Amino acid sequence: MPQKKLQWDVQQNNESLFVKLSGELTRDTLLPLWEQRASFLSPKTTQRLYWDLKEITRVDSAGFTLLAELLNHYHKIIPNSLIHTPDSVRTLAELYDLNDWFEQFII
């Protein structure tokens, strides 16, 4: 059975910081992202942060909670948005009655 994991790749230019997540965003995989976020998430106040979820294969409630926390935290610093948001993330937003709040980040 293949090991479930979460990977990320960060790319930036003067205007944008892109965090491309791939794999599973679950209780079992999210700890490294949480622990290492400060080492790669230091956007300039002139940048916009994009979370690219195109290659996310699975999200559970813990993964959704982490994503919501990251969106909320960085929203206080710079504009940030979700791109390629999977239906499963939108469904979790509805289940937690956060869809109105969450929609502001989806482009």
N, C-alpha and C. Protein backbone atom coordinates (compact mmCIF):
# COMPACT_ATOMS: atom_id res chain seq x y z
N MET A 1 0.85 -1.19 0.00
CA MET A 1 0.00 0.00 0.00
C MET A 1 0.89 1.24 0.00
N PRO A 2 0.67 2.20 -0.93
CA PRO A 2 1.51 3.38 -0.97
C PRO A 2 1.33 4.24 0.28
N GLN A 3 2.43 4.87 0.67
CA GLN A 3 2.38 5.73 1.85
C GLN A 3 1.64 7.02 1.51
N LYS A 4 0.76 7.41 2.40
CA LYS A 4 0.01 8.64 2.21
C LYS A 4 0.86 9.79 2.74
N LYS A 5 0.98 10.84 1.93
CA LYS A 5 1.75 11.98 2.39
C LYS A 5 1.28 13.25 1.72
N LEU A 6 1.74 14.34 2.27
CA LEU A 6 1.46 15.66 1.75
C LEU A 6 2.78 16.30 1.34
N GLN A 7 2.79 16.87 0.17
CA GLN A 7 3.99 17.57 -0.30
C GLN A 7 3.60 18.99 -0.69
N TRP A 8 4.58 19.87 -0.67
CA TRP A 8 4.33 21.24 -1.09
C TRP A 8 5.54 21.78 -1.81
N ASP A 9 5.24 22.70 -2.70
CA ASP A 9 6.28 23.37 -3.48
C ASP A 9 5.94 24.86 -3.44
N VAL A 10 6.94 25.68 -3.22
CA VAL A 10 6.74 27.12 -3.11
C VAL A 10 7.47 27.83 -4.25
N GLN A 11 6.75 28.69 -4.92
CA GLN A 11 7.34 29.52 -5.97
C GLN A 11 6.92 30.95 -5.71
N GLN A 12 7.84 31.88 -5.97
CA GLN A 12 7.46 33.27 -5.76
C GLN A 12 8.12 34.19 -6.77
N ASN A 13 7.47 35.32 -6.94
CA ASN A 13 8.02 36.42 -7.72
C ASN A 13 7.73 37.69 -6.93
N ASN A 14 7.91 38.84 -7.52
CA ASN A 14 7.71 40.09 -6.78
C ASN A 14 6.28 40.28 -6.31
N GLU A 15 5.31 39.81 -7.10
CA GLU A 15 3.91 40.05 -6.76
C GLU A 15 3.21 38.90 -6.06
N SER A 16 3.73 37.68 -6.19
CA SER A 16 2.97 36.52 -5.73
C SER A 16 3.85 35.46 -5.07
N LEU A 17 3.22 34.76 -4.16
CA LEU A 17 3.81 33.57 -3.54
C LEU A 17 2.82 32.44 -3.76
N PHE A 18 3.26 31.39 -4.44
CA PHE A 18 2.40 30.25 -4.74
C PHE A 18 2.83 29.06 -3.90
N VAL A 19 1.87 28.48 -3.17
CA VAL A 19 2.12 27.25 -2.42
C VAL A 19 1.28 26.17 -3.08
N LYS A 20 1.95 25.24 -3.73
CA LYS A 20 1.27 24.16 -4.44
C LYS A 20 1.28 22.92 -3.53
N LEU A 21 0.10 22.52 -3.08
CA LEU A 21 -0.03 21.34 -2.23
C LEU A 21 -0.40 20.13 -3.08
N SER A 22 0.17 18.98 -2.75
CA SER A 22 -0.18 17.76 -3.47
C SER A 22 -0.21 16.59 -2.50
N GLY A 23 -1.08 15.63 -2.79
CA GLY A 23 -1.24 14.46 -1.94
C GLY A 23 -2.45 14.61 -1.04
N GLU A 24 -2.35 14.05 0.15
CA GLU A 24 -3.46 14.06 1.10
C GLU A 24 -3.25 15.09 2.19
N LEU A 25 -4.26 15.91 2.42
CA LEU A 25 -4.25 16.89 3.50
C LEU A 25 -5.16 16.33 4.59
N THR A 26 -4.57 15.52 5.46
CA THR A 26 -5.34 14.80 6.48
C THR A 26 -4.64 14.89 7.83
N ARG A 27 -5.33 14.40 8.83
CA ARG A 27 -4.79 14.36 10.19
C ARG A 27 -3.44 13.66 10.22
N ASP A 28 -3.28 12.64 9.40
CA ASP A 28 -2.05 11.86 9.39
C ASP A 28 -0.91 12.51 8.63
N THR A 29 -1.19 13.53 7.82
CA THR A 29 -0.14 14.10 6.96
C THR A 29 0.15 15.58 7.20
N LEU A 30 -0.67 16.27 7.97
CA LEU A 30 -0.55 17.73 8.03
C LEU A 30 0.52 18.27 8.97
N LEU A 31 1.00 17.49 9.91
CA LEU A 31 1.94 18.00 10.91
C LEU A 31 3.21 18.62 10.31
N PRO A 32 3.87 17.99 9.33
CA PRO A 32 5.06 18.63 8.76
C PRO A 32 4.77 20.01 8.14
N LEU A 33 3.64 20.15 7.47
CA LEU A 33 3.28 21.44 6.89
C LEU A 33 3.11 22.48 7.99
N TRP A 34 2.41 22.11 9.05
CA TRP A 34 2.18 23.03 10.16
C TRP A 34 3.51 23.42 10.82
N GLU A 35 4.37 22.45 11.05
CA GLU A 35 5.63 22.73 11.74
C GLU A 35 6.61 23.54 10.89
N GLN A 36 6.55 23.39 9.58
CA GLN A 36 7.53 24.05 8.70
C GLN A 36 6.99 25.30 8.02
N ARG A 37 5.75 25.67 8.29
CA ARG A 37 5.13 26.78 7.58
C ARG A 37 5.93 28.07 7.68
N ALA A 38 6.50 28.36 8.84
CA ALA A 38 7.24 29.62 9.00
C ALA A 38 8.50 29.66 8.15
N SER A 39 9.06 28.50 7.83
CA SER A 39 10.30 28.48 7.06
C SER A 39 10.09 28.82 5.58
N PHE A 40 8.89 28.61 5.07
CA PHE A 40 8.65 28.92 3.65
C PHE A 40 7.53 29.91 3.43
N LEU A 41 6.79 30.24 4.47
CA LEU A 41 5.70 31.20 4.34
C LEU A 41 6.07 32.51 5.01
N SER A 42 6.86 33.28 4.32
CA SER A 42 7.21 34.61 4.81
C SER A 42 7.01 35.62 3.68
N PRO A 43 5.74 35.80 3.32
CA PRO A 43 5.45 36.69 2.19
C PRO A 43 5.74 38.15 2.53
N LYS A 44 6.09 38.88 1.49
CA LYS A 44 6.24 40.33 1.63
C LYS A 44 4.84 40.94 1.64
N THR A 45 4.72 42.08 2.28
CA THR A 45 3.39 42.70 2.36
C THR A 45 2.89 43.17 1.00
N THR A 46 3.76 43.18 0.01
CA THR A 46 3.34 43.57 -1.34
C THR A 46 2.93 42.37 -2.20
N GLN A 47 3.05 41.18 -1.64
CA GLN A 47 2.73 39.97 -2.40
C GLN A 47 1.32 39.49 -2.10
N ARG A 48 0.83 38.66 -3.00
CA ARG A 48 -0.43 37.94 -2.79
C ARG A 48 -0.07 36.47 -2.67
N LEU A 49 -0.72 35.78 -1.75
CA LEU A 49 -0.46 34.36 -1.49
C LEU A 49 -1.54 33.52 -2.16
N TYR A 50 -1.12 32.54 -2.94
CA TYR A 50 -2.04 31.63 -3.61
C TYR A 50 -1.79 30.21 -3.11
N TRP A 51 -2.85 29.55 -2.70
CA TRP A 51 -2.80 28.14 -2.30
C TRP A 51 -3.36 27.34 -3.46
N ASP A 52 -2.52 26.58 -4.13
CA ASP A 52 -2.93 25.78 -5.28
C ASP A 52 -3.24 24.36 -4.82
N LEU A 53 -4.51 23.98 -4.90
CA LEU A 53 -4.96 22.68 -4.40
C LEU A 53 -5.23 21.67 -5.52
N LYS A 54 -4.75 21.96 -6.70
CA LYS A 54 -5.07 21.11 -7.86
C LYS A 54 -4.69 19.65 -7.65
N GLU A 55 -3.58 19.40 -6.98
CA GLU A 55 -3.09 18.03 -6.83
C GLU A 55 -3.39 17.42 -5.47
N ILE A 56 -4.32 18.01 -4.74
CA ILE A 56 -4.77 17.41 -3.48
C ILE A 56 -5.71 16.26 -3.82
N THR A 57 -5.41 15.10 -3.28
CA THR A 57 -6.22 13.91 -3.59
C THR A 57 -7.27 13.62 -2.52
N ARG A 58 -7.04 14.13 -1.30
CA ARG A 58 -7.98 13.85 -0.21
C ARG A 58 -7.82 14.91 0.86
N VAL A 59 -8.94 15.33 1.44
CA VAL A 59 -8.94 16.27 2.56
C VAL A 59 -9.91 15.74 3.60
N ASP A 60 -9.46 15.65 4.85
CA ASP A 60 -10.39 15.29 5.93
C ASP A 60 -10.66 16.54 6.77
N SER A 61 -11.42 16.38 7.85
CA SER A 61 -11.81 17.54 8.65
C SER A 61 -10.60 18.24 9.28
N ALA A 62 -9.59 17.49 9.68
CA ALA A 62 -8.38 18.11 10.25
C ALA A 62 -7.63 18.90 9.19
N GLY A 63 -7.53 18.36 8.00
CA GLY A 63 -6.89 19.07 6.90
C GLY A 63 -7.63 20.34 6.53
N PHE A 64 -8.96 20.26 6.53
CA PHE A 64 -9.76 21.45 6.25
C PHE A 64 -9.54 22.50 7.33
N THR A 65 -9.49 22.07 8.58
CA THR A 65 -9.27 23.00 9.69
C THR A 65 -7.93 23.70 9.56
N LEU A 66 -6.89 22.96 9.20
CA LEU A 66 -5.58 23.57 8.99
C LEU A 66 -5.65 24.59 7.85
N LEU A 67 -6.27 24.22 6.76
CA LEU A 67 -6.39 25.13 5.63
C LEU A 67 -7.13 26.41 6.03
N ALA A 68 -8.21 26.27 6.76
CA ALA A 68 -8.97 27.44 7.22
C ALA A 68 -8.12 28.30 8.15
N GLU A 69 -7.35 27.68 9.02
CA GLU A 69 -6.48 28.43 9.93
C GLU A 69 -5.41 29.20 9.15
N LEU A 70 -4.81 28.56 8.16
CA LEU A 70 -3.79 29.23 7.34
C LEU A 70 -4.40 30.40 6.57
N LEU A 71 -5.57 30.19 5.98
CA LEU A 71 -6.25 31.28 5.27
C LEU A 71 -6.54 32.44 6.20
N ASN A 72 -7.07 32.14 7.37
CA ASN A 72 -7.42 33.18 8.33
C ASN A 72 -6.19 33.94 8.80
N HIS A 73 -5.13 33.21 9.13
CA HIS A 73 -3.91 33.84 9.63
C HIS A 73 -3.29 34.76 8.59
N TYR A 74 -3.09 34.26 7.38
CA TYR A 74 -2.42 35.07 6.35
C TYR A 74 -3.31 36.16 5.79
N HIS A 75 -4.63 36.00 5.92
CA HIS A 75 -5.57 37.03 5.49
C HIS A 75 -5.36 38.32 6.29
N LYS A 76 -4.88 38.19 7.51
CA LYS A 76 -4.62 39.35 8.36
C LYS A 76 -3.36 40.10 7.92
N ILE A 77 -2.52 39.45 7.12
CA ILE A 77 -1.24 40.02 6.72
C ILE A 77 -1.26 40.49 5.26
N ILE A 78 -1.71 39.61 4.37
CA ILE A 78 -1.73 39.90 2.93
C ILE A 78 -2.95 39.23 2.31
N PRO A 79 -3.33 39.64 1.11
CA PRO A 79 -4.40 38.91 0.42
C PRO A 79 -3.95 37.49 0.10
N ASN A 80 -4.83 36.54 0.30
CA ASN A 80 -4.52 35.16 -0.09
C ASN A 80 -5.76 34.50 -0.66
N SER A 81 -5.51 33.56 -1.57
CA SER A 81 -6.60 32.94 -2.33
C SER A 81 -6.33 31.47 -2.56
N LEU A 82 -7.42 30.74 -2.79
CA LEU A 82 -7.35 29.33 -3.17
C LEU A 82 -7.55 29.22 -4.67
N ILE A 83 -6.74 28.40 -5.31
CA ILE A 83 -6.97 28.11 -6.72
C ILE A 83 -7.08 26.60 -6.89
N HIS A 84 -7.88 26.19 -7.85
CA HIS A 84 -8.14 24.77 -8.11
C HIS A 84 -8.69 24.08 -6.85
N THR A 85 -9.69 24.67 -6.26
CA THR A 85 -10.26 24.15 -5.02
C THR A 85 -11.11 22.91 -5.30
N PRO A 86 -10.76 21.77 -4.68
CA PRO A 86 -11.54 20.54 -4.91
C PRO A 86 -12.95 20.64 -4.31
N ASP A 87 -13.86 19.90 -4.89
CA ASP A 87 -15.23 19.86 -4.38
C ASP A 87 -15.27 19.40 -2.93
N SER A 88 -14.37 18.52 -2.53
CA SER A 88 -14.37 18.02 -1.16
C SER A 88 -14.11 19.14 -0.16
N VAL A 89 -13.30 20.11 -0.52
CA VAL A 89 -13.03 21.25 0.36
C VAL A 89 -14.28 22.13 0.46
N ARG A 90 -14.93 22.35 -0.65
CA ARG A 90 -16.17 23.14 -0.64
C ARG A 90 -17.26 22.44 0.19
N THR A 91 -17.32 21.12 0.08
CA THR A 91 -18.30 20.36 0.85
C THR A 91 -18.04 20.49 2.34
N LEU A 92 -16.78 20.40 2.74
CA LEU A 92 -16.44 20.56 4.16
C LEU A 92 -16.78 21.97 4.64
N ALA A 93 -16.56 22.97 3.81
CA ALA A 93 -16.93 24.34 4.18
C ALA A 93 -18.43 24.44 4.44
N GLU A 94 -19.22 23.80 3.61
CA GLU A 94 -20.67 23.79 3.81
C GLU A 94 -21.05 23.06 5.08
N LEU A 95 -20.43 21.91 5.33
CA LEU A 95 -20.74 21.13 6.53
C LEU A 95 -20.44 21.90 7.81
N TYR A 96 -19.40 22.71 7.78
CA TYR A 96 -19.03 23.51 8.95
C TYR A 96 -19.69 24.89 8.94
N ASP A 97 -20.59 25.12 8.00
CA ASP A 97 -21.29 26.39 7.85
C ASP A 97 -20.31 27.55 7.69
N LEU A 98 -19.25 27.29 6.93
CA LEU A 98 -18.23 28.31 6.66
C LEU A 98 -18.19 28.68 5.18
N ASN A 99 -19.19 28.23 4.41
CA ASN A 99 -19.11 28.45 2.97
C ASN A 99 -19.10 29.92 2.60
N ASP A 100 -19.86 30.77 3.29
CA ASP A 100 -19.84 32.20 2.96
C ASP A 100 -18.46 32.80 3.24
N TRP A 101 -17.89 32.48 4.38
CA TRP A 101 -16.55 32.96 4.73
C TRP A 101 -15.52 32.41 3.75
N PHE A 102 -15.63 31.14 3.43
CA PHE A 102 -14.66 30.44 2.60
C PHE A 102 -14.66 30.95 1.16
N GLU A 103 -15.84 31.31 0.66
CA GLU A 103 -15.98 31.75 -0.74
C GLU A 103 -15.13 32.97 -1.06
N GLN A 104 -14.85 33.80 -0.07
CA GLN A 104 -14.05 35.01 -0.34
C GLN A 104 -12.63 34.67 -0.79
N PHE A 105 -12.17 33.45 -0.51
CA PHE A 105 -10.81 33.06 -0.85
C PHE A 105 -10.72 32.30 -2.17
N ILE A 106 -11.83 31.82 -2.68
CA ILE A 106 -11.81 30.98 -3.88
C ILE A 106 -11.84 31.85 -5.14
N ILE A 107 -10.87 31.60 -6.01
CA ILE A 107 -10.86 32.32 -7.29
C ILE A 107 -10.85 31.32 -8.43
